[in-house]
N, C-alpha and C. Protein backbone atom coordinates (compact mmCIF):
# COMPACT_ATOMS: atom_id res chain seq x y z
N MET A 1 53.04 17.53 -0.19
CA MET A 1 51.75 17.58 -1.53
C MET A 1 50.64 18.87 -0.96
N PRO A 2 50.53 19.82 -2.02
CA PRO A 2 49.91 20.72 -1.52
C PRO A 2 47.66 20.56 -1.71
N ASP A 3 47.77 21.05 -1.19
CA ASP A 3 45.58 20.72 -0.52
C ASP A 3 44.60 20.85 -1.26
N ASP A 4 45.38 21.74 -3.00
CA ASP A 4 44.75 21.84 -4.04
C ASP A 4 44.94 20.96 -5.30
N VAL A 5 43.78 20.76 -5.93
CA VAL A 5 43.72 19.37 -6.05
C VAL A 5 44.73 19.85 -7.61
N GLU A 6 44.62 20.83 -8.36
CA GLU A 6 45.09 21.19 -9.09
C GLU A 6 47.12 21.06 -9.26
N LYS A 7 46.92 21.84 -8.24
CA LYS A 7 48.18 22.02 -7.40
C LYS A 7 48.57 20.04 -7.36
N GLN A 8 48.40 19.40 -7.28
CA GLN A 8 49.03 18.44 -6.84
C GLN A 8 49.26 16.77 -8.42
N ALA A 9 47.91 18.09 -8.88
CA ALA A 9 48.00 17.12 -10.39
C ALA A 9 49.82 17.64 -10.97
N HIS A 10 50.23 18.98 -10.74
CA HIS A 10 51.16 19.96 -11.50
C HIS A 10 52.58 19.47 -10.70
N VAL A 11 52.24 18.62 -9.58
CA VAL A 11 52.83 17.74 -8.36
C VAL A 11 54.12 16.63 -9.33
N VAL A 12 52.59 16.37 -9.80
CA VAL A 12 52.39 14.38 -10.33
C VAL A 12 52.62 14.79 -11.49
N SER A 13 52.48 15.08 -12.07
CA SER A 13 53.59 15.56 -13.54
C SER A 13 54.34 16.23 -13.76
N TRP A 14 55.15 16.83 -12.83
CA TRP A 14 56.72 17.34 -12.40
C TRP A 14 57.40 15.40 -12.02
N MET A 15 56.67 14.79 -11.41
CA MET A 15 57.67 13.36 -10.69
C MET A 15 57.21 12.23 -11.41
N SER A 16 56.75 12.37 -12.98
CA SER A 16 56.24 11.62 -13.84
C SER A 16 57.68 12.19 -15.05
N PHE A 17 57.21 13.74 -15.06
CA PHE A 17 58.73 13.97 -15.85
C PHE A 17 59.90 13.34 -15.24
N ILE A 18 59.99 13.72 -14.36
CA ILE A 18 61.65 13.26 -13.47
C ILE A 18 62.14 12.00 -13.90
N ALA A 19 61.40 11.23 -13.24
CA ALA A 19 61.26 9.72 -13.63
C ALA A 19 61.25 9.39 -14.95
N SER A 20 60.88 9.64 -15.61
CA SER A 20 60.63 9.05 -17.68
C SER A 20 61.95 9.88 -17.97
N ARG A 21 62.10 10.66 -17.67
CA ARG A 21 63.08 11.45 -18.74
C ARG A 21 64.31 12.02 -17.99
N LEU A 22 64.37 13.06 -16.78
CA LEU A 22 65.46 13.44 -16.33
C LEU A 22 66.03 11.98 -15.81
N HIS A 23 65.69 11.20 -14.77
CA HIS A 23 66.42 10.24 -14.76
C HIS A 23 67.74 9.57 -15.79
N PRO A 24 66.79 9.05 -16.52
CA PRO A 24 67.53 8.15 -17.40
C PRO A 24 68.98 9.04 -18.66
N ALA A 25 68.62 10.50 -18.33
CA ALA A 25 69.14 11.28 -18.96
C ALA A 25 70.66 11.58 -18.90
N ARG A 26 70.79 11.39 -18.18
CA ARG A 26 72.30 11.39 -17.82
C ARG A 26 73.06 10.12 -18.02
N ARG A 27 72.50 9.16 -18.06
CA ARG A 27 73.20 7.71 -18.82
C ARG A 27 73.30 8.26 -19.84
N GLN A 28 72.81 9.05 -20.51
CA GLN A 28 73.49 9.01 -22.00
C GLN A 28 74.13 10.00 -22.30
N GLY A 29 74.95 10.65 -21.50
CA GLY A 29 75.75 11.76 -22.23
C GLY A 29 75.73 13.18 -21.92
N LEU A 30 76.05 14.03 -21.51
CA LEU A 30 76.68 15.92 -21.35
C LEU A 30 75.85 15.97 -22.70
N ASP A 31 75.45 16.52 -23.49
CA ASP A 31 74.57 16.63 -25.43
C ASP A 31 73.27 16.49 -24.37
N HIS A 32 73.08 14.88 -24.61
CA HIS A 32 71.58 14.31 -24.44
C HIS A 32 71.11 15.16 -23.13
N ALA A 33 71.79 15.20 -22.20
CA ALA A 33 71.27 15.64 -20.12
C ALA A 33 70.84 16.77 -20.66
N ARG A 34 71.84 18.07 -21.49
CA ARG A 34 71.39 19.31 -21.70
C ARG A 34 69.97 20.67 -23.14
N LYS A 35 69.77 18.72 -23.37
CA LYS A 35 68.24 19.20 -23.99
C LYS A 35 67.60 18.72 -22.86
N VAL A 36 67.48 17.92 -22.56
CA VAL A 36 66.37 16.88 -21.47
C VAL A 36 66.47 17.91 -20.34
N TYR A 37 67.91 18.79 -19.53
CA TYR A 37 67.30 19.29 -17.72
C TYR A 37 67.21 20.00 -19.04
N GLY A 38 66.99 21.24 -19.54
CA GLY A 38 66.75 21.70 -20.85
C GLY A 38 65.32 22.16 -20.55
N ILE A 39 65.21 21.32 -20.69
CA ILE A 39 64.02 21.88 -20.57
C ILE A 39 63.09 21.82 -19.13
N ALA A 40 63.70 20.71 -18.12
CA ALA A 40 63.11 20.87 -16.75
C ALA A 40 64.12 22.79 -16.67
N ASP A 41 64.57 22.92 -16.93
CA ASP A 41 65.49 25.00 -16.49
C ASP A 41 63.68 25.61 -16.99
N THR A 42 63.42 25.35 -17.63
CA THR A 42 62.77 26.35 -18.37
C THR A 42 61.87 26.10 -17.53
N ARG A 43 61.03 24.35 -18.16
CA ARG A 43 58.93 24.36 -16.83
C ARG A 43 59.94 25.10 -15.38
N LEU A 44 60.81 24.61 -14.37
CA LEU A 44 60.53 24.95 -13.38
C LEU A 44 60.89 26.71 -13.33
N GLY A 45 61.19 27.47 -14.56
CA GLY A 45 61.28 29.07 -13.96
C GLY A 45 61.97 28.86 -12.75
N ARG A 46 61.92 29.93 -12.40
CA ARG A 46 62.41 30.78 -11.04
C ARG A 46 62.30 30.34 -9.32
N GLY A 47 61.42 29.14 -9.44
CA GLY A 47 60.21 28.61 -8.23
C GLY A 47 60.63 27.48 -7.69
N TRP A 48 59.83 27.25 -7.37
CA TRP A 48 60.04 26.27 -6.53
C TRP A 48 58.75 24.56 -8.11
N ALA A 49 58.87 23.69 -8.21
CA ALA A 49 58.99 23.04 -8.86
C ALA A 49 57.34 23.21 -9.26
N ALA A 50 55.87 23.40 -7.47
CA ALA A 50 54.89 22.86 -7.62
C ALA A 50 54.73 24.72 -7.78
N GLY A 51 55.71 25.74 -8.07
CA GLY A 51 55.06 27.08 -7.87
C GLY A 51 55.35 27.47 -6.53
N GLU A 52 55.31 28.21 -5.38
CA GLU A 52 55.11 28.94 -4.28
C GLU A 52 55.79 28.54 -3.64
N ARG A 53 55.54 26.74 -3.64
CA ARG A 53 55.21 26.14 -1.99
C ARG A 53 56.20 24.78 -2.04
N TYR A 54 57.58 25.21 -1.39
CA TYR A 54 58.44 23.75 -2.17
C TYR A 54 57.41 22.73 -1.76
N SER A 55 58.13 21.39 -2.49
CA SER A 55 57.10 20.03 -2.17
C SER A 55 57.59 18.72 -2.83
N ILE A 56 57.30 18.08 -2.76
CA ILE A 56 57.83 16.16 -2.82
C ILE A 56 58.85 16.36 -4.31
N ALA A 57 57.99 17.03 -5.17
CA ALA A 57 59.58 17.01 -6.25
C ALA A 57 60.35 17.99 -6.65
N ASP A 58 60.49 18.93 -5.63
CA ASP A 58 61.65 19.50 -5.11
C ASP A 58 62.94 18.79 -5.06
N ILE A 59 62.21 17.54 -3.93
CA ILE A 59 63.42 16.75 -3.43
C ILE A 59 63.66 15.53 -4.73
N HIS A 60 63.42 15.53 -5.39
CA HIS A 60 63.42 14.11 -6.41
C HIS A 60 64.28 14.89 -7.31
N LEU A 61 63.60 16.40 -7.69
CA LEU A 61 64.48 16.96 -8.97
C LEU A 61 65.64 16.92 -7.58
N PHE A 62 65.79 17.74 -7.08
CA PHE A 62 67.13 18.03 -6.84
C PHE A 62 67.81 16.49 -6.43
N ARG A 63 67.19 15.91 -6.33
CA ARG A 63 68.71 14.63 -6.41
C ARG A 63 69.34 13.91 -7.80
N LEU A 64 67.90 14.61 -8.78
CA LEU A 64 68.78 14.36 -10.11
C LEU A 64 69.48 15.35 -9.89
N VAL A 65 68.96 16.16 -10.17
CA VAL A 65 70.27 17.30 -10.40
C VAL A 65 71.49 18.08 -9.67
N TRP A 66 71.18 16.90 -9.09
CA TRP A 66 72.91 17.07 -7.56
C TRP A 66 73.81 15.90 -8.30
N ARG A 67 73.01 15.20 -8.97
CA ARG A 67 73.92 13.48 -9.11
C ARG A 67 74.54 14.27 -10.36
N LEU A 68 73.87 14.79 -11.79
CA LEU A 68 73.72 15.33 -13.03
C LEU A 68 75.65 16.63 -13.36
N PHE A 69 75.10 17.39 -11.86
CA PHE A 69 76.46 18.54 -12.02
C PHE A 69 77.24 17.82 -10.98
N ASN A 70 77.34 16.62 -10.23
CA ASN A 70 78.20 15.99 -9.38
C ASN A 70 78.87 14.93 -9.91
N THR A 71 78.60 13.90 -11.36
CA THR A 71 78.77 13.54 -12.27
C THR A 71 79.58 14.38 -13.36
N LEU A 72 78.04 14.47 -14.89
CA LEU A 72 78.80 15.23 -15.73
C LEU A 72 79.38 16.66 -15.75
N LYS A 73 78.60 17.60 -14.57
CA LYS A 73 79.65 18.59 -14.49
C LYS A 73 78.87 19.64 -15.65
N PRO A 74 78.49 20.01 -16.05
CA PRO A 74 77.81 21.28 -17.25
C PRO A 74 78.35 22.15 -15.84
N GLU A 75 79.29 22.69 -17.26
CA GLU A 75 79.04 24.09 -16.71
C GLU A 75 78.76 25.23 -16.36
N PRO A 76 78.92 26.75 -15.26
CA PRO A 76 78.19 26.99 -14.56
C PRO A 76 77.59 27.65 -15.92
N GLY A 77 76.09 28.16 -14.64
CA GLY A 77 75.49 29.34 -16.02
C GLY A 77 74.00 28.39 -16.84
N THR A 78 75.07 27.33 -17.78
CA THR A 78 74.12 26.21 -18.04
C THR A 78 72.48 26.32 -17.96
N PHE A 79 72.01 25.64 -16.90
CA PHE A 79 71.37 26.28 -16.00
C PHE A 79 70.62 26.59 -15.51
N PRO A 80 70.72 28.09 -15.66
CA PRO A 80 70.25 28.57 -14.00
C PRO A 80 69.30 28.33 -13.14
N ASN A 81 67.86 28.18 -13.75
CA ASN A 81 66.09 27.99 -12.91
C ASN A 81 67.27 26.90 -12.13
N LEU A 82 67.72 25.62 -12.24
CA LEU A 82 68.26 24.55 -11.94
C LEU A 82 69.72 24.36 -11.19
N ASP A 83 70.12 25.83 -11.06
CA ASP A 83 71.37 26.34 -10.41
C ASP A 83 70.48 27.06 -9.18
N ALA A 84 69.46 28.43 -9.47
CA ALA A 84 69.00 28.74 -8.49
C ALA A 84 67.99 27.49 -7.69
N HIS A 85 67.48 26.50 -7.98
CA HIS A 85 66.81 25.52 -7.95
C HIS A 85 67.56 24.69 -6.14
N TYR A 86 69.41 24.11 -6.88
CA TYR A 86 70.54 23.54 -6.12
C TYR A 86 70.70 24.50 -4.94
N ARG A 87 70.45 25.72 -5.56
CA ARG A 87 71.56 26.08 -3.97
C ARG A 87 70.03 26.47 -2.99
N ARG A 88 69.03 26.54 -3.59
CA ARG A 88 68.04 26.70 -2.69
C ARG A 88 68.32 25.77 -1.55
N MET A 89 67.71 24.05 -2.50
CA MET A 89 68.02 23.21 -1.46
C MET A 89 68.86 22.92 -1.33
N MET A 90 70.55 23.36 -1.15
CA MET A 90 71.75 22.72 -0.96
C MET A 90 70.93 24.03 0.57
N ALA A 91 70.49 25.09 0.57
CA ALA A 91 70.31 26.18 1.99
C ALA A 91 69.37 25.49 2.61
N ARG A 92 68.49 24.19 2.75
CA ARG A 92 67.80 23.87 3.75
C ARG A 92 68.10 23.45 4.22
N PRO A 93 67.94 23.50 5.84
CA PRO A 93 68.69 22.53 6.46
C PRO A 93 68.42 20.79 6.86
N ALA A 94 67.58 20.30 6.54
CA ALA A 94 67.69 18.83 6.29
C ALA A 94 68.40 18.56 5.63
N VAL A 95 68.74 19.40 3.74
CA VAL A 95 69.86 18.62 3.20
C VAL A 95 70.53 18.67 3.33
N LYS A 96 71.28 19.68 4.19
CA LYS A 96 73.01 20.01 5.17
C LYS A 96 72.67 18.51 6.30
N THR A 97 71.86 18.68 6.38
CA THR A 97 71.79 17.31 7.66
C THR A 97 72.25 16.14 6.95
N THR A 98 71.12 15.92 6.01
CA THR A 98 71.50 14.82 5.18
C THR A 98 72.62 14.51 4.82
N ILE A 99 73.59 15.80 4.05
CA ILE A 99 74.43 15.50 3.42
C ILE A 99 75.75 14.87 4.32
N GLU A 100 75.76 15.64 6.07
CA GLU A 100 76.51 15.75 6.83
C GLU A 100 76.99 14.30 6.91
N MET A 101 75.20 13.69 7.28
CA MET A 101 75.25 12.40 8.03
C MET A 101 75.90 11.79 7.21
N GLU A 102 75.33 11.55 5.52
CA GLU A 102 76.31 10.82 4.79
C GLU A 102 77.19 10.76 4.99
N SER A 103 77.47 11.95 4.92
CA SER A 103 79.13 12.14 4.71
C SER A 103 80.27 11.56 5.39
N ALA A 104 79.62 11.71 7.71
CA ALA A 104 80.39 11.40 8.09
C ALA A 104 80.53 9.52 7.73
N VAL A 105 79.15 8.68 7.20
CA VAL A 105 79.43 7.40 7.40
C VAL A 105 80.77 7.06 6.13
N GLY A 106 81.12 7.99 5.24
CA GLY A 106 81.73 7.55 3.80
C GLY A 106 80.62 7.29 3.21
N TYR A 107 79.23 7.63 3.02
CA TYR A 107 77.98 7.58 1.42
C TYR A 107 78.73 8.52 1.30
N GLU A 108 78.72 8.13 -0.83
CA GLU A 108 78.98 8.86 -1.99
C GLU A 108 77.93 8.71 -2.88
N LEU A 109 76.52 9.19 -2.73
CA LEU A 109 75.94 9.01 -3.91
C LEU A 109 76.63 8.59 -5.37
N PRO A 110 76.04 7.45 -5.65
CA PRO A 110 77.16 7.32 -6.52
C PRO A 110 76.64 7.41 -8.49
N ALA A 111 77.25 7.39 -8.87
CA ALA A 111 76.84 7.38 -10.86
C ALA A 111 76.40 7.42 -10.36
């Protein structure tokens, strides 16, 4: 979490949005997910969820975007900011290590 209280509020806002809107959207199909994830794409912009710094909100966002991209498979370019976020997250050493470890034991994220 950021040190600044306003930035903390921004992270909490993202976490609430992710849990209440993004989480159930995928199960309602690609058309609905496009609308809701489109809001997230616009809101995210070109940076991290909390602005200039990586935060816990990015982990939560990535988890759901990863599921969306790997289950409903929206067309490339549908969410340019989420695409860029996904690539930044996939480049993080901790994410690479986690995926390697999960793959080694045969774990696949459930749909």
